Amino acid sequence: MFILETPEDARRLHFIGSPTVRINGRDLEPNMQAIKNYGLRSRHYCVDGKKVDFPTKSMIRDAINKTKK
């Protein structure tokens, strides 16, 4: 876990918003890797075409399982 306090922290860590969950340095949503708009702000995840405030347990589980392959 990282604590970010400044916009410079966000740029340095490629932080696109909170909460951001990464497994082995990779974002849970692969398409977010291309985002370059870093900052200290809220983030949403896309689940079944809807915006949600947090990633689902299955998103986290799937990302962990992909690292085992």
PDB file of N, CA and C in Angstrom:
ATOM      1  N   MET A   1       0.842  -1.164   0.000  1.00  0.00           N
ATOM      2  CA  MET A   1       0.000   0.000   0.000  1.00  0.00           C
ATOM      3  C   MET A   1       0.893   1.234   0.000  1.00  0.00           C
ATOM      4  N   PHE A   2       0.436   2.253  -0.729  1.00  0.00           N
ATOM      5  CA  PHE A   2       1.151   3.517  -0.804  1.00  0.00           C
ATOM      6  C   PHE A   2       0.248   4.633  -0.299  1.00  0.00           C
ATOM      7  N   ILE A   3       0.843   5.617   0.332  1.00  0.00           N
ATOM      8  CA  ILE A   3       0.117   6.822   0.721  1.00  0.00           C
ATOM      9  C   ILE A   3       0.585   7.940  -0.199  1.00  0.00           C
ATOM     10  N   LEU A   4      -0.358   8.510  -0.924  1.00  0.00           N
ATOM     11  CA  LEU A   4      -0.051   9.600  -1.841  1.00  0.00           C
ATOM     12  C   LEU A   4      -0.545  10.898  -1.238  1.00  0.00           C
ATOM     13  N   GLU A   5       0.299  11.905  -1.276  1.00  0.00           N
ATOM     14  CA  GLU A   5      -0.066  13.186  -0.679  1.00  0.00           C
ATOM     15  C   GLU A   5      -0.060  14.338  -1.670  1.00  0.00           C
ATOM     16  N   THR A   6       0.606  14.172  -2.793  1.00  0.00           N
ATOM     17  CA  THR A   6       0.735  15.274  -3.745  1.00  0.00           C
ATOM     18  C   THR A   6       0.460  14.797  -5.166  1.00  0.00           C
ATOM     19  N   PRO A   7       0.131  15.729  -6.063  1.00  0.00           N
ATOM     20  CA  PRO A   7      -0.015  15.360  -7.470  1.00  0.00           C
ATOM     21  C   PRO A   7       1.269  14.743  -8.038  1.00  0.00           C
ATOM     22  N   GLU A   8       2.409  15.158  -7.529  1.00  0.00           N
ATOM     23  CA  GLU A   8       3.679  14.583  -7.981  1.00  0.00           C
ATOM     24  C   GLU A   8       3.753  13.101  -7.605  1.00  0.00           C
ATOM     25  N   ASP A   9       3.264  12.748  -6.416  1.00  0.00           N
ATOM     26  CA  ASP A   9       3.192  11.337  -6.014  1.00  0.00           C
ATOM     27  C   ASP A   9       2.328  10.555  -7.002  1.00  0.00           C
ATOM     28  N   ALA A  10       1.189  11.130  -7.366  1.00  0.00           N
ATOM     29  CA  ALA A  10       0.273  10.463  -8.295  1.00  0.00           C
ATOM     30  C   ALA A  10       0.943  10.230  -9.644  1.00  0.00           C
ATOM     31  N   ARG A  11       1.641  11.217 -10.158  1.00  0.00           N
ATOM     32  CA  ARG A  11       2.329  11.051 -11.448  1.00  0.00           C
ATOM     33  C   ARG A  11       3.433  10.011 -11.347  1.00  0.00           C
ATOM     34  N   ARG A  12       4.205  10.071 -10.298  1.00  0.00           N
ATOM     35  CA  ARG A  12       5.329   9.148 -10.123  1.00  0.00           C
ATOM     36  C   ARG A  12       4.858   7.697 -10.053  1.00  0.00           C
ATOM     37  N   LEU A  13       3.721   7.481  -9.402  1.00  0.00           N
ATOM     38  CA  LEU A  13       3.211   6.122  -9.223  1.00  0.00           C
ATOM     39  C   LEU A  13       2.142   5.740 -10.244  1.00  0.00           C
ATOM     40  N   HIS A  14       1.914   6.621 -11.240  1.00  0.00           N
ATOM     41  CA  HIS A  14       0.906   6.377 -12.276  1.00  0.00           C
ATOM     42  C   HIS A  14      -0.454   6.069 -11.648  1.00  0.00           C
ATOM     43  N   PHE A  15      -0.840   6.910 -10.718  1.00  0.00           N
ATOM     44  CA  PHE A  15      -2.061   6.721  -9.940  1.00  0.00           C
ATOM     45  C   PHE A  15      -3.217   7.423 -10.627  1.00  0.00           C
ATOM     46  N   ILE A  16      -4.240   6.647 -11.031  1.00  0.00           N
ATOM     47  CA  ILE A  16      -5.360   7.231 -11.775  1.00  0.00           C
ATOM     48  C   ILE A  16      -6.570   7.529 -10.899  1.00  0.00           C
ATOM     49  N   GLY A  17      -6.536   7.131  -9.645  1.00  0.00           N
ATOM     50  CA  GLY A  17      -7.636   7.439  -8.741  1.00  0.00           C
ATOM     51  C   GLY A  17      -7.782   6.398  -7.653  1.00  0.00           C
ATOM     52  N   SER A  18      -8.583   6.757  -6.659  1.00  0.00           N
ATOM     53  CA  SER A  18      -8.768   5.884  -5.503  1.00  0.00           C
ATOM     54  C   SER A  18     -10.183   5.321  -5.486  1.00  0.00           C
ATOM     55  N   PRO A  19     -10.323   4.035  -5.272  1.00  0.00           N
ATOM     56  CA  PRO A  19      -9.271   3.075  -4.954  1.00  0.00           C
ATOM     57  C   PRO A  19      -8.655   2.484  -6.219  1.00  0.00           C
ATOM     58  N   THR A  20      -7.357   2.340  -6.223  1.00  0.00           N
ATOM     59  CA  THR A  20      -6.660   1.620  -7.285  1.00  0.00           C
ATOM     60  C   THR A  20      -6.097   0.352  -6.676  1.00  0.00           C
ATOM     61  N   VAL A  21      -6.396  -0.765  -7.321  1.00  0.00           N
ATOM     62  CA  VAL A  21      -5.887  -2.060  -6.870  1.00  0.00           C
ATOM     63  C   VAL A  21      -5.019  -2.618  -7.984  1.00  0.00           C
ATOM     64  N   ARG A  22      -3.796  -2.957  -7.629  1.00  0.00           N
ATOM     65  CA  ARG A  22      -2.866  -3.562  -8.582  1.00  0.00           C
ATOM     66  C   ARG A  22      -2.379  -4.892  -8.020  1.00  0.00           C
ATOM     67  N   ILE A  23      -2.235  -5.848  -8.901  1.00  0.00           N
ATOM     68  CA  ILE A  23      -1.677  -7.145  -8.546  1.00  0.00           C
ATOM     69  C   ILE A  23      -0.386  -7.279  -9.339  1.00  0.00           C
ATOM     70  N   ASN A  24       0.722  -7.442  -8.646  1.00  0.00           N
ATOM     71  CA  ASN A  24       2.043  -7.486  -9.292  1.00  0.00           C
ATOM     72  C   ASN A  24       2.260  -6.279 -10.195  1.00  0.00           C
ATOM     73  N   GLY A  25       1.795  -5.119  -9.753  1.00  0.00           N
ATOM     74  CA  GLY A  25       2.009  -3.880 -10.492  1.00  0.00           C
ATOM     75  C   GLY A  25       1.048  -3.628 -11.632  1.00  0.00           C
ATOM     76  N   ARG A  26       0.130  -4.556 -11.883  1.00  0.00           N
ATOM     77  CA  ARG A  26      -0.827  -4.401 -12.989  1.00  0.00           C
ATOM     78  C   ARG A  26      -2.206  -4.048 -12.449  1.00  0.00           C
ATOM     79  N   ASP A  27      -2.824  -3.062 -13.084  1.00  0.00           N
ATOM     80  CA  ASP A  27      -4.159  -2.636 -12.694  1.00  0.00           C
ATOM     81  C   ASP A  27      -5.162  -3.767 -12.930  1.00  0.00           C
ATOM     82  N   LEU A  28      -6.214  -3.812 -12.116  1.00  0.00           N
ATOM     83  CA  LEU A  28      -7.251  -4.828 -12.288  1.00  0.00           C
ATOM     84  C   LEU A  28      -7.953  -4.710 -13.631  1.00  0.00           C
ATOM     85  N   GLU A  29      -8.065  -3.504 -14.152  1.00  0.00           N
ATOM     86  CA  GLU A  29      -8.699  -3.283 -15.451  1.00  0.00           C
ATOM     87  C   GLU A  29      -7.593  -3.034 -16.478  1.00  0.00           C
ATOM     88  N   PRO A  30      -7.292  -4.030 -17.307  1.00  0.00           N
ATOM     89  CA  PRO A  30      -6.167  -3.911 -18.246  1.00  0.00           C
ATOM     90  C   PRO A  30      -6.222  -2.666 -19.133  1.00  0.00           C
ATOM     91  N   ASN A  31      -7.417  -2.232 -19.524  1.00  0.00           N
ATOM     92  CA  ASN A  31      -7.517  -1.054 -20.395  1.00  0.00           C
ATOM     93  C   ASN A  31      -7.087   0.227 -19.686  1.00  0.00           C
ATOM     94  N   MET A  32      -6.978   0.199 -18.377  1.00  0.00           N
ATOM     95  CA  MET A  32      -6.558   1.389 -17.636  1.00  0.00           C
ATOM     96  C   MET A  32      -5.046   1.604 -17.695  1.00  0.00           C
ATOM     97  N   GLN A  33      -4.301   0.619 -18.168  1.00  0.00           N
ATOM     98  CA  GLN A  33      -2.844   0.763 -18.281  1.00  0.00           C
ATOM     99  C   GLN A  33      -2.473   1.929 -19.197  1.00  0.00           C
ATOM    100  N   ALA A  34      -3.342   2.218 -20.168  1.00  0.00           N
ATOM    101  CA  ALA A  34      -3.046   3.270 -21.144  1.00  0.00           C
ATOM    102  C   ALA A  34      -3.381   4.675 -20.630  1.00  0.00           C
ATOM    103  N   ILE A  35      -4.096   4.780 -19.530  1.00  0.00           N
ATOM    104  CA  ILE A  35      -4.496   6.081 -18.991  1.00  0.00           C
ATOM    105  C   ILE A  35      -3.265   6.841 -18.499  1.00  0.00           C
ATOM    106  N   LYS A  36      -3.165   8.083 -18.892  1.00  0.00           N
ATOM    107  CA  LYS A  36      -2.035   8.922 -18.474  1.00  0.00           C
ATOM    108  C   LYS A  36      -2.483  10.118 -17.646  1.00  0.00           C
ATOM    109  N   ASN A  37      -3.767  10.187 -17.335  1.00  0.00           N
ATOM    110  CA  ASN A  37      -4.328  11.299 -16.577  1.00  0.00           C
ATOM    111  C   ASN A  37      -4.260  10.970 -15.085  1.00  0.00           C
ATOM    112  N   TYR A  38      -3.096  11.146 -14.490  1.00  0.00           N
ATOM    113  CA  TYR A  38      -2.865  10.771 -13.102  1.00  0.00           C
ATOM    114  C   TYR A  38      -3.307  11.882 -12.158  1.00  0.00           C
ATOM    115  N   GLY A  39      -3.754  11.489 -10.974  1.00  0.00           N
ATOM    116  CA  GLY A  39      -4.126  12.505 -10.007  1.00  0.00           C
ATOM    117  C   GLY A  39      -4.751  11.932  -8.756  1.00  0.00           C
ATOM    118  N   LEU A  40      -4.955  12.819  -7.804  1.00  0.00           N
ATOM    119  CA  LEU A  40      -5.577  12.470  -6.533  1.00  0.00           C
ATOM    120  C   LEU A  40      -7.071  12.715  -6.660  1.00  0.00           C
ATOM    121  N   ARG A  41      -7.804  11.675  -7.003  1.00  0.00           N
ATOM    122  CA  ARG A  41      -9.249  11.795  -7.221  1.00  0.00           C
ATOM    123  C   ARG A  41      -9.912  10.434  -7.021  1.00  0.00           C
ATOM    124  N   SER A  42     -11.224  10.425  -7.087  1.00  0.00           N
ATOM    125  CA  SER A  42     -11.971   9.172  -6.992  1.00  0.00           C
ATOM    126  C   SER A  42     -11.892   8.423  -8.312  1.00  0.00           C
ATOM    127  N   ARG A  43     -12.086   7.136  -8.222  1.00  0.00           N
ATOM    128  CA  ARG A  43     -12.049   6.281  -9.397  1.00  0.00           C
ATOM    129  C   ARG A  43     -13.251   5.345  -9.367  1.00  0.00           C
ATOM    130  N   HIS A  44     -13.696   4.960 -10.545  1.00  0.00           N
ATOM    131  CA  HIS A  44     -14.786   3.992 -10.662  1.00  0.00           C
ATOM    132  C   HIS A  44     -14.295   2.789 -11.450  1.00  0.00           C
ATOM    133  N   TYR A  45     -14.942   1.674 -11.223  1.00  0.00           N
ATOM    134  CA  TYR A  45     -14.672   0.448 -11.969  1.00  0.00           C
ATOM    135  C   TYR A  45     -15.904   0.113 -12.788  1.00  0.00           C
ATOM    136  N   CYS A  46     -15.697  -0.586 -13.882  1.00  0.00           N
ATOM    137  CA  CYS A  46     -16.800  -0.987 -14.746  1.00  0.00           C
ATOM    138  C   CYS A  46     -17.135  -2.453 -14.464  1.00  0.00           C
ATOM    139  N   VAL A  47     -18.366  -2.693 -14.025  1.00  0.00           N
ATOM    140  CA  VAL A  47     -18.836  -4.046 -13.733  1.00  0.00           C
ATOM    141  C   VAL A  47     -20.162  -4.238 -14.458  1.00  0.00           C
ATOM    142  N   ASP A  48     -20.169  -5.159 -15.400  1.00  0.00           N
ATOM    143  CA  ASP A  48     -21.377  -5.426 -16.195  1.00  0.00           C
ATOM    144  C   ASP A  48     -21.924  -4.152 -16.829  1.00  0.00           C
ATOM    145  N   GLY A  49     -21.026  -3.314 -17.325  1.00  0.00           N
ATOM    146  CA  GLY A  49     -21.420  -2.090 -18.004  1.00  0.00           C
ATOM    147  C   GLY A  49     -21.840  -0.952 -17.091  1.00  0.00           C
ATOM    148  N   LYS A  50     -21.698  -1.141 -15.780  1.00  0.00           N
ATOM    149  CA  LYS A  50     -22.091  -0.102 -14.831  1.00  0.00           C
ATOM    150  C   LYS A  50     -20.879   0.387 -14.049  1.00  0.00           C
ATOM    151  N   LYS A  51     -20.908   1.667 -13.684  1.00  0.00           N
ATOM    152  CA  LYS A  51     -19.845   2.224 -12.844  1.00  0.00           C
ATOM    153  C   LYS A  51     -20.104   1.861 -11.388  1.00  0.00           C
ATOM    154  N   VAL A  52     -19.064   1.347 -10.738  1.00  0.00           N
ATOM    155  CA  VAL A  52     -19.153   1.038  -9.309  1.00  0.00           C
ATOM    156  C   VAL A  52     -17.957   1.674  -8.607  1.00  0.00           C
ATOM    157  N   ASP A  53     -18.083   1.883  -7.306  1.00  0.00           N
ATOM    158  CA  ASP A  53     -17.047   2.589  -6.549  1.00  0.00           C
ATOM    159  C   ASP A  53     -15.852   1.728  -6.166  1.00  0.00           C
ATOM    160  N   PHE A  54     -16.033   0.415  -6.155  1.00  0.00           N
ATOM    161  CA  PHE A  54     -14.964  -0.492  -5.738  1.00  0.00           C
ATOM    162  C   PHE A  54     -14.901  -1.684  -6.675  1.00  0.00           C
ATOM    163  N   PRO A  55     -13.720  -2.277  -6.848  1.00  0.00           N
ATOM    164  CA  PRO A  55     -13.647  -3.507  -7.635  1.00  0.00           C
ATOM    165  C   PRO A  55     -14.353  -4.634  -6.877  1.00  0.00           C
ATOM    166  N   THR A  56     -14.885  -5.581  -7.623  1.00  0.00           N
ATOM    167  CA  THR A  56     -15.558  -6.716  -6.993  1.00  0.00           C
ATOM    168  C   THR A  56     -14.533  -7.743  -6.520  1.00  0.00           C
ATOM    169  N   LYS A  57     -14.969  -8.600  -5.626  1.00  0.00           N
ATOM    170  CA  LYS A  57     -14.098  -9.679  -5.160  1.00  0.00           C
ATOM    171  C   LYS A  57     -13.660 -10.552  -6.326  1.00  0.00           C
ATOM    172  N   SER A  58     -14.575 -10.796  -7.265  1.00  0.00           N
ATOM    173  CA  SER A  58     -14.218 -11.647  -8.407  1.00  0.00           C
ATOM    174  C   SER A  58     -13.173 -10.981  -9.301  1.00  0.00           C
ATOM    175  N   MET A  59     -13.203  -9.662  -9.425  1.00  0.00           N
ATOM    176  CA  MET A  59     -12.172  -8.962 -10.202  1.00  0.00           C
ATOM    177  C   MET A  59     -10.801  -9.175  -9.566  1.00  0.00           C
ATOM    178  N   ILE A  60     -10.751  -9.057  -8.254  1.00  0.00           N
ATOM    179  CA  ILE A  60      -9.482  -9.235  -7.542  1.00  0.00           C
ATOM    180  C   ILE A  60      -9.030 -10.686  -7.629  1.00  0.00           C
ATOM    181  N   ARG A  61      -9.952 -11.616  -7.417  1.00  0.00           N
ATOM    182  CA  ARG A  61      -9.632 -13.041  -7.491  1.00  0.00           C
ATOM    183  C   ARG A  61      -9.111 -13.408  -8.884  1.00  0.00           C
ATOM    184  N   ASP A  62      -9.787 -12.930  -9.930  1.00  0.00           N
ATOM    185  CA  ASP A  62      -9.357 -13.228 -11.303  1.00  0.00           C
ATOM    186  C   ASP A  62      -7.958 -12.692 -11.576  1.00  0.00           C
ATOM    187  N   ALA A  63      -7.677 -11.485 -11.102  1.00  0.00           N
ATOM    188  CA  ALA A  63      -6.348 -10.897 -11.316  1.00  0.00           C
ATOM    189  C   ALA A  63      -5.273 -11.703 -10.601  1.00  0.00           C
ATOM    190  N   ILE A  64      -5.568 -12.163  -9.400  1.00  0.00           N
ATOM    191  CA  ILE A  64      -4.602 -12.996  -8.668  1.00  0.00           C
ATOM    192  C   ILE A  64      -4.384 -14.308  -9.400  1.00  0.00           C
ATOM    193  N   ASN A  65      -5.466 -14.925  -9.858  1.00  0.00           N
ATOM    194  CA  ASN A  65      -5.346 -16.202 -10.566  1.00  0.00           C
ATOM    195  C   ASN A  65      -4.547 -16.072 -11.859  1.00  0.00           C
ATOM    196  N   LYS A  66      -4.657 -14.943 -12.548  1.00  0.00           N
ATOM    197  CA  LYS A  66      -3.886 -14.738 -13.782  1.00  0.00           C
ATOM    198  C   LYS A  66      -2.390 -14.703 -13.505  1.00  0.00           C
ATOM    199  N   THR A  67      -2.009 -14.266 -12.324  1.00  0.00           N
ATOM    200  CA  THR A  67      -0.577 -14.216 -12.003  1.00  0.00           C
ATOM    201  C   THR A  67      -0.014 -15.602 -11.742  1.00  0.00           C
ATOM    202  N   LYS A  68      -0.879 -16.559 -11.460  1.00  0.00           N
ATOM    203  CA  LYS A  68      -0.441 -17.924 -11.166  1.00  0.00           C
ATOM    204  C   LYS A  68      -0.208 -18.744 -12.427  1.00  0.00           C
ATOM    205  N   LYS A  69      -0.667 -18.239 -13.569  1.00  0.00           N
ATOM    206  CA  LYS A  69      -0.546 -18.999 -14.829  1.00  0.00           C
ATOM    207  C   LYS A  69       0.800 -18.800 -15.464  1.00  0.00           C
TER     208      LYS A  69
END
